[in-house]
PDB file of N, CA and C in Angstrom:
ATOM      1  N   UNK A   1      64.088  40.207-258.266  1.00  0.00           N
ATOM      2  CA  UNK A   1      65.091  39.975-259.290  1.00  0.00           C
ATOM      3  C   UNK A   1      65.175  38.473-259.574  1.00  0.00           C
ATOM      4  N   UNK A   2      65.211  38.117-260.845  1.00  0.00           N
ATOM      5  CA  UNK A   2      65.292  36.717-261.236  1.00  0.00           C
ATOM      6  C   UNK A   2      66.664  36.140-260.892  1.00  0.00           C
ATOM      7  N   UNK A   3      66.636  34.907-260.457  1.00  0.00           N
ATOM      8  CA  UNK A   3      67.873  34.217-260.106  1.00  0.00           C
ATOM      9  C   UNK A   3      68.569  33.746-261.384  1.00  0.00           C
ATOM     10  N   UNK A   4      69.881  33.872-261.418  1.00  0.00           N
ATOM     11  CA  UNK A   4      70.689  33.417-262.549  1.00  0.00           C
ATOM     12  C   UNK A   4      70.959  31.933-262.361  1.00  0.00           C
ATOM     13  N   UNK A   5      70.497  31.118-263.295  1.00  0.00           N
ATOM     14  CA  UNK A   5      70.700  29.675-263.229  1.00  0.00           C
ATOM     15  C   UNK A   5      71.496  29.248-264.453  1.00  0.00           C
ATOM     16  N   UNK A   6      72.548  28.513-264.220  1.00  0.00           N
ATOM     17  CA  UNK A   6      73.432  28.045-265.278  1.00  0.00           C
ATOM     18  C   UNK A   6      72.946  26.689-265.786  1.00  0.00           C
ATOM     19  N   UNK A   7      72.969  26.528-267.107  1.00  0.00           N
ATOM     20  CA  UNK A   7      72.694  25.240-267.737  1.00  0.00           C
ATOM     21  C   UNK A   7      73.883  24.899-268.632  1.00  0.00           C
ATOM     22  N   UNK A   8      73.846  23.738-269.235  1.00  0.00           N
ATOM     23  CA  UNK A   8      74.930  23.361-270.148  1.00  0.00           C
ATOM     24  C   UNK A   8      74.964  24.262-271.377  1.00  0.00           C
ATOM     25  N   UNK A   9      73.844  24.933-271.669  1.00  0.00           N
ATOM     26  CA  UNK A   9      73.774  25.821-272.827  1.00  0.00           C
ATOM     27  C   UNK A   9      74.167  27.258-272.513  1.00  0.00           C
ATOM     28  N   UNK A  10      74.403  27.567-271.235  1.00  0.00           N
ATOM     29  CA  UNK A  10      74.779  28.922-270.847  1.00  0.00           C
ATOM     30  C   UNK A  10      76.164  29.245-271.385  1.00  0.00           C
ATOM     31  N   UNK A  11      76.303  30.446-271.923  1.00  0.00           N
ATOM     32  CA  UNK A  11      77.597  30.880-272.452  1.00  0.00           C
ATOM     33  C   UNK A  11      78.548  31.239-271.315  1.00  0.00           C
ATOM     34  N   UNK A  12      79.791  30.861-271.468  1.00  0.00           N
ATOM     35  CA  UNK A  12      80.807  31.135-270.454  1.00  0.00           C
ATOM     36  C   UNK A  12      80.905  32.641-270.192  1.00  0.00           C
ATOM     37  N   UNK A  13      80.852  33.442-271.226  1.00  0.00           N
ATOM     38  CA  UNK A  13      80.932  34.889-271.061  1.00  0.00           C
ATOM     39  C   UNK A  13      79.799  35.431-270.203  1.00  0.00           C
ATOM     40  N   UNK A  14      78.601  34.880-270.357  1.00  0.00           N
ATOM     41  CA  UNK A  14      77.461  35.325-269.547  1.00  0.00           C
ATOM     42  C   UNK A  14      77.658  34.982-268.072  1.00  0.00           C
ATOM     43  N   UNK A  15      78.230  33.818-267.816  1.00  0.00           N
ATOM     44  CA  UNK A  15      78.485  33.401-266.431  1.00  0.00           C
ATOM     45  C   UNK A  15      79.528  34.328-265.799  1.00  0.00           C
ATOM     46  N   UNK A  16      80.603  34.575-266.518  1.00  0.00           N
ATOM     47  CA  UNK A  16      81.665  35.445-265.995  1.00  0.00           C
ATOM     48  C   UNK A  16      81.180  36.881-265.806  1.00  0.00           C
ATOM     49  N   UNK A  17      80.320  37.352-266.715  1.00  0.00           N
ATOM     50  CA  UNK A  17      79.761  38.696-266.566  1.00  0.00           C
ATOM     51  C   UNK A  17      78.869  38.785-265.333  1.00  0.00           C
ATOM     52  N   UNK A  18      78.168  37.711-265.043  1.00  0.00           N
ATOM     53  CA  UNK A  18      77.285  37.702-263.875  1.00  0.00           C
ATOM     54  C   UNK A  18      78.084  37.676-262.577  1.00  0.00           C
ATOM     55  N   UNK A  19      79.138  36.830-262.551  1.00  0.00           N
ATOM     56  CA  UNK A  19      79.969  36.717-261.344  1.00  0.00           C
ATOM     57  C   UNK A  19      81.362  36.251-261.746  1.00  0.00           C
ATOM     58  N   UNK A  20      82.291  37.183-261.781  1.00  0.00           N
ATOM     59  CA  UNK A  20      83.656  36.885-262.219  1.00  0.00           C
ATOM     60  C   UNK A  20      84.329  35.834-261.331  1.00  0.00           C
ATOM     61  N   UNK A  21      83.885  35.693-260.110  1.00  0.00           N
ATOM     62  CA  UNK A  21      84.474  34.703-259.199  1.00  0.00           C
ATOM     63  C   UNK A  21      84.237  33.267-259.664  1.00  0.00           C
ATOM     64  N   UNK A  22      83.310  33.058-260.587  1.00  0.00           N
ATOM     65  CA  UNK A  22      83.071  31.711-261.107  1.00  0.00           C
ATOM     66  C   UNK A  22      84.242  31.229-261.963  1.00  0.00           C
ATOM     67  N   UNK A  23      85.133  32.123-262.330  1.00  0.00           N
ATOM     68  CA  UNK A  23      86.299  31.736-263.136  1.00  0.00           C
ATOM     69  C   UNK A  23      87.073  30.604-262.478  1.00  0.00           C
ATOM     70  N   UNK A  24      87.094  30.562-261.172  1.00  0.00           N
ATOM     71  CA  UNK A  24      87.868  29.518-260.478  1.00  0.00           C
ATOM     72  C   UNK A  24      87.390  28.108-260.825  1.00  0.00           C
ATOM     73  N   UNK A  25      86.094  27.952-261.096  1.00  0.00           N
ATOM     74  CA  UNK A  25      85.582  26.632-261.446  1.00  0.00           C
ATOM     75  C   UNK A  25      86.068  26.194-262.822  1.00  0.00           C
ATOM     76  N   UNK A  26      86.237  27.153-263.710  1.00  0.00           N
ATOM     77  CA  UNK A  26      86.779  26.839-265.029  1.00  0.00           C
ATOM     78  C   UNK A  26      88.275  26.548-264.940  1.00  0.00           C
ATOM     79  N   UNK A  27      88.984  27.334-264.137  1.00  0.00           N
ATOM     80  CA  UNK A  27      90.423  27.102-263.948  1.00  0.00           C
ATOM     81  C   UNK A  27      90.682  25.722-263.341  1.00  0.00           C
ATOM     82  N   UNK A  28      89.829  25.305-262.396  1.00  0.00           N
ATOM     83  CA  UNK A  28      90.011  24.008-261.717  1.00  0.00           C
ATOM     84  C   UNK A  28      90.008  22.835-262.690  1.00  0.00           C
ATOM     85  N   UNK A  29      89.290  22.973-263.787  1.00  0.00           N
ATOM     86  CA  UNK A  29      89.223  21.856-264.730  1.00  0.00           C
ATOM     87  C   UNK A  29      90.065  22.103-265.988  1.00  0.00           C
ATOM     88  N   UNK A  30      90.974  23.067-265.892  1.00  0.00           N
ATOM     89  CA  UNK A  30      91.931  23.281-266.966  1.00  0.00           C
ATOM     90  C   UNK A  30      91.511  24.249-268.048  1.00  0.00           C
ATOM     91  N   UNK A  31      90.424  24.975-267.844  1.00  0.00           N
ATOM     92  CA  UNK A  31      89.998  25.970-268.823  1.00  0.00           C
ATOM     93  C   UNK A  31      90.647  27.304-268.465  1.00  0.00           C
ATOM     94  N   UNK A  32      91.837  27.501-268.987  1.00  0.00           N
ATOM     95  CA  UNK A  32      92.601  28.706-268.670  1.00  0.00           C
ATOM     96  C   UNK A  32      92.489  29.765-269.765  1.00  0.00           C
ATOM     97  N   UNK A  33      91.620  29.536-270.733  1.00  0.00           N
ATOM     98  CA  UNK A  33      91.504  30.435-271.883  1.00  0.00           C
ATOM     99  C   UNK A  33      90.311  31.377-271.757  1.00  0.00           C
ATOM    100  N   UNK A  34      89.936  31.748-270.561  1.00  0.00           N
ATOM    101  CA  UNK A  34      88.722  32.532-270.339  1.00  0.00           C
ATOM    102  C   UNK A  34      88.776  33.931-270.928  1.00  0.00           C
ATOM    103  N   UNK A  35      89.945  34.463-271.162  1.00  0.00           N
ATOM    104  CA  UNK A  35      90.066  35.790-271.747  1.00  0.00           C
ATOM    105  C   UNK A  35      89.942  35.798-273.259  1.00  0.00           C
ATOM    106  N   UNK A  36      89.984  34.639-273.840  1.00  0.00           N
ATOM    107  CA  UNK A  36      89.890  34.511-275.295  1.00  0.00           C
ATOM    108  C   UNK A  36      88.460  34.813-275.745  1.00  0.00           C
ATOM    109  N   UNK A  37      88.291  35.658-276.771  1.00  0.00           N
ATOM    110  CA  UNK A  37      86.946  35.964-277.255  1.00  0.00           C
ATOM    111  C   UNK A  37      86.163  34.717-277.666  1.00  0.00           C
ATOM    112  N   UNK A  38      86.841  33.724-278.185  1.00  0.00           N
ATOM    113  CA  UNK A  38      86.169  32.483-278.607  1.00  0.00           C
ATOM    114  C   UNK A  38      85.568  31.763-277.403  1.00  0.00           C
ATOM    115  N   UNK A  39      86.291  31.691-276.299  1.00  0.00           N
ATOM    116  CA  UNK A  39      85.792  30.950-275.144  1.00  0.00           C
ATOM    117  C   UNK A  39      84.581  31.633-274.523  1.00  0.00           C
ATOM    118  N   UNK A  40      84.526  32.953-274.565  1.00  0.00           N
ATOM    119  CA  UNK A  40      83.391  33.680-273.987  1.00  0.00           C
ATOM    120  C   UNK A  40      82.096  33.367-274.721  1.00  0.00           C
ATOM    121  N   UNK A  41      82.189  32.976-275.981  1.00  0.00           N
ATOM    122  CA  UNK A  41      81.003  32.655-276.764  1.00  0.00           C
ATOM    123  C   UNK A  41      80.644  31.188-276.770  1.00  0.00           C
ATOM    124  N   UNK A  42      81.426  30.382-276.066  1.00  0.00           N
ATOM    125  CA  UNK A  42      81.157  28.944-275.991  1.00  0.00           C
ATOM    126  C   UNK A  42      80.180  28.631-274.863  1.00  0.00           C
ATOM    127  N   UNK A  43      79.379  27.613-275.085  1.00  0.00           N
ATOM    128  CA  UNK A  43      78.526  27.120-274.008  1.00  0.00           C
ATOM    129  C   UNK A  43      79.368  26.235-273.099  1.00  0.00           C
ATOM    130  N   UNK A  44      78.851  25.980-271.919  1.00  0.00           N
ATOM    131  CA  UNK A  44      79.544  25.060-271.013  1.00  0.00           C
ATOM    132  C   UNK A  44      79.680  23.696-271.677  1.00  0.00           C
ATOM    133  N   UNK A  45      78.631  23.232-272.349  1.00  0.00           N
ATOM    134  CA  UNK A  45      78.678  21.917-273.005  1.00  0.00           C
ATOM    135  C   UNK A  45      79.804  21.864-274.038  1.00  0.00           C
ATOM    136  N   UNK A  46      79.908  22.908-274.861  1.00  0.00           N
ATOM    137  CA  UNK A  46      80.954  22.934-275.889  1.00  0.00           C
ATOM    138  C   UNK A  46      82.345  22.957-275.268  1.00  0.00           C
ATOM    139  N   UNK A  47      82.538  23.809-274.272  1.00  0.00           N
ATOM    140  CA  UNK A  47      83.842  23.941-273.633  1.00  0.00           C
ATOM    141  C   UNK A  47      84.245  22.644-272.934  1.00  0.00           C
ATOM    142  N   UNK A  48      83.313  22.028-272.250  1.00  0.00           N
ATOM    143  CA  UNK A  48      83.629  20.778-271.552  1.00  0.00           C
ATOM    144  C   UNK A  48      83.949  19.660-272.534  1.00  0.00           C
ATOM    145  N   UNK A  49      83.261  19.651-273.655  1.00  0.00           N
ATOM    146  CA  UNK A  49      83.544  18.654-274.685  1.00  0.00           C
ATOM    147  C   UNK A  49      84.972  18.790-275.192  1.00  0.00           C
ATOM    148  N   UNK A  50      85.394  20.025-275.456  1.00  0.00           N
ATOM    149  CA  UNK A  50      86.749  20.282-275.950  1.00  0.00           C
ATOM    150  C   UNK A  50      87.794  19.922-274.893  1.00  0.00           C
ATOM    151  N   UNK A  51      87.477  20.189-273.632  1.00  0.00           N
ATOM    152  CA  UNK A  51      88.439  19.968-272.554  1.00  0.00           C
ATOM    153  C   UNK A  51      88.304  18.599-271.887  1.00  0.00           C
ATOM    154  N   UNK A  52      87.390  17.768-272.377  1.00  0.00           N
ATOM    155  CA  UNK A  52      87.244  16.408-271.854  1.00  0.00           C
ATOM    156  C   UNK A  52      86.775  16.351-270.412  1.00  0.00           C
ATOM    157  N   UNK A  53      85.878  17.250-270.033  1.00  0.00           N
ATOM    158  CA  UNK A  53      85.356  17.268-268.672  1.00  0.00           C
ATOM    159  C   UNK A  53      83.841  17.105-268.688  1.00  0.00           C
ATOM    160  N   UNK A  54      83.276  16.858-267.526  1.00  0.00           N
ATOM    161  CA  UNK A  54      81.848  16.602-267.387  1.00  0.00           C
ATOM    162  C   UNK A  54      81.084  17.914-267.211  1.00  0.00           C
ATOM    163  N   UNK A  55      80.251  18.248-268.179  1.00  0.00           N
ATOM    164  CA  UNK A  55      79.492  19.499-268.145  1.00  0.00           C
ATOM    165  C   UNK A  55      78.485  19.518-266.996  1.00  0.00           C
ATOM    166  N   UNK A  56      77.855  18.381-266.724  1.00  0.00           N
ATOM    167  CA  UNK A  56      76.856  18.330-265.644  1.00  0.00           C
ATOM    168  C   UNK A  56      77.483  18.647-264.291  1.00  0.00           C
ATOM    169  N   UNK A  57      78.674  18.127-264.062  1.00  0.00           N
ATOM    170  CA  UNK A  57      79.360  18.388-262.789  1.00  0.00           C
ATOM    171  C   UNK A  57      79.729  19.864-262.662  1.00  0.00           C
ATOM    172  N   UNK A  58      80.196  20.466-263.745  1.00  0.00           N
ATOM    173  CA  UNK A  58      80.561  21.877-263.707  1.00  0.00           C
ATOM    174  C   UNK A  58      79.327  22.743-263.458  1.00  0.00           C
ATOM    175  N   UNK A  59      78.241  22.454-264.142  1.00  0.00           N
ATOM    176  CA  UNK A  59      76.990  23.200-263.949  1.00  0.00           C
ATOM    177  C   UNK A  59      76.546  23.098-262.491  1.00  0.00           C
ATOM    178  N   UNK A  60      76.623  21.910-261.941  1.00  0.00           N
ATOM    179  CA  UNK A  60      76.211  21.697-260.542  1.00  0.00           C
ATOM    180  C   UNK A  60      77.060  22.534-259.585  1.00  0.00           C
ATOM    181  N   UNK A  61      78.374  22.539-259.788  1.00  0.00           N
ATOM    182  CA  UNK A  61      79.276  23.310-258.927  1.00  0.00           C
ATOM    183  C   UNK A  61      79.003  24.805-259.014  1.00  0.00           C
ATOM    184  N   UNK A  62      78.830  25.290-260.226  1.00  0.00           N
ATOM    185  CA  UNK A  62      78.610  26.724-260.403  1.00  0.00           C
ATOM    186  C   UNK A  62      77.273  27.144-259.790  1.00  0.00           C
ATOM    187  N   UNK A  63      76.222  26.368-260.033  1.00  0.00           N
ATOM    188  CA  UNK A  63      74.922  26.720-259.463  1.00  0.00           C
ATOM    189  C   UNK A  63      74.927  26.644-257.943  1.00  0.00           C
ATOM    190  N   UNK A  64      75.632  25.679-257.382  1.00  0.00           N
ATOM    191  CA  UNK A  64      75.737  25.590-255.910  1.00  0.00           C
ATOM    192  C   UNK A  64      76.439  26.834-255.366  1.00  0.00           C
ATOM    193  N   UNK A  65      77.485  27.256-256.040  1.00  0.00           N
ATOM    194  CA  UNK A  65      78.199  28.476-255.630  1.00  0.00           C
ATOM    195  C   UNK A  65      77.274  29.694-255.718  1.00  0.00           C
ATOM    196  N   UNK A  66      76.559  29.822-256.826  1.00  0.00           N
ATOM    197  CA  UNK A  66      75.688  30.985-257.015  1.00  0.00           C
ATOM    198  C   UNK A  66      74.547  31.016-256.007  1.00  0.00           C
ATOM    199  N   UNK A  67      74.135  29.858-255.525  1.00  0.00           N
ATOM    200  CA  UNK A  67      73.082  29.797-254.499  1.00  0.00           C
ATOM    201  C   UNK A  67      73.536  30.464-253.189  1.00  0.00           C
ATOM    202  N   UNK A  68      74.827  30.504-252.978  1.00  0.00           N
ATOM    203  CA  UNK A  68      75.353  31.099-251.731  1.00  0.00           C
ATOM    204  C   UNK A  68      75.407  32.616-251.802  1.00  0.00           C
ATOM    205  N   UNK A  69      75.169  33.175-252.958  1.00  0.00           N
ATOM    206  CA  UNK A  69      75.247  34.628-253.161  1.00  0.00           C
ATOM    207  C   UNK A  69      73.985  35.303-252.717  1.00  0.00           C
TER     208      UNK A  69
END
């Protein structure tokens, strides 16, 4: 089975569908709108830009978490 790797272009909805527990990383940086249909279609880069956070750091955290699965 291919490993799921997150990039800045990965859609938030795809990440949550793969592992709902990743929601905590979005909550930690103030992205509390994960249930909104608009946010599910946003890339990490787009969401981080809107929320004023570093997309590279978020990608790194999520991928490190997924490596433990």
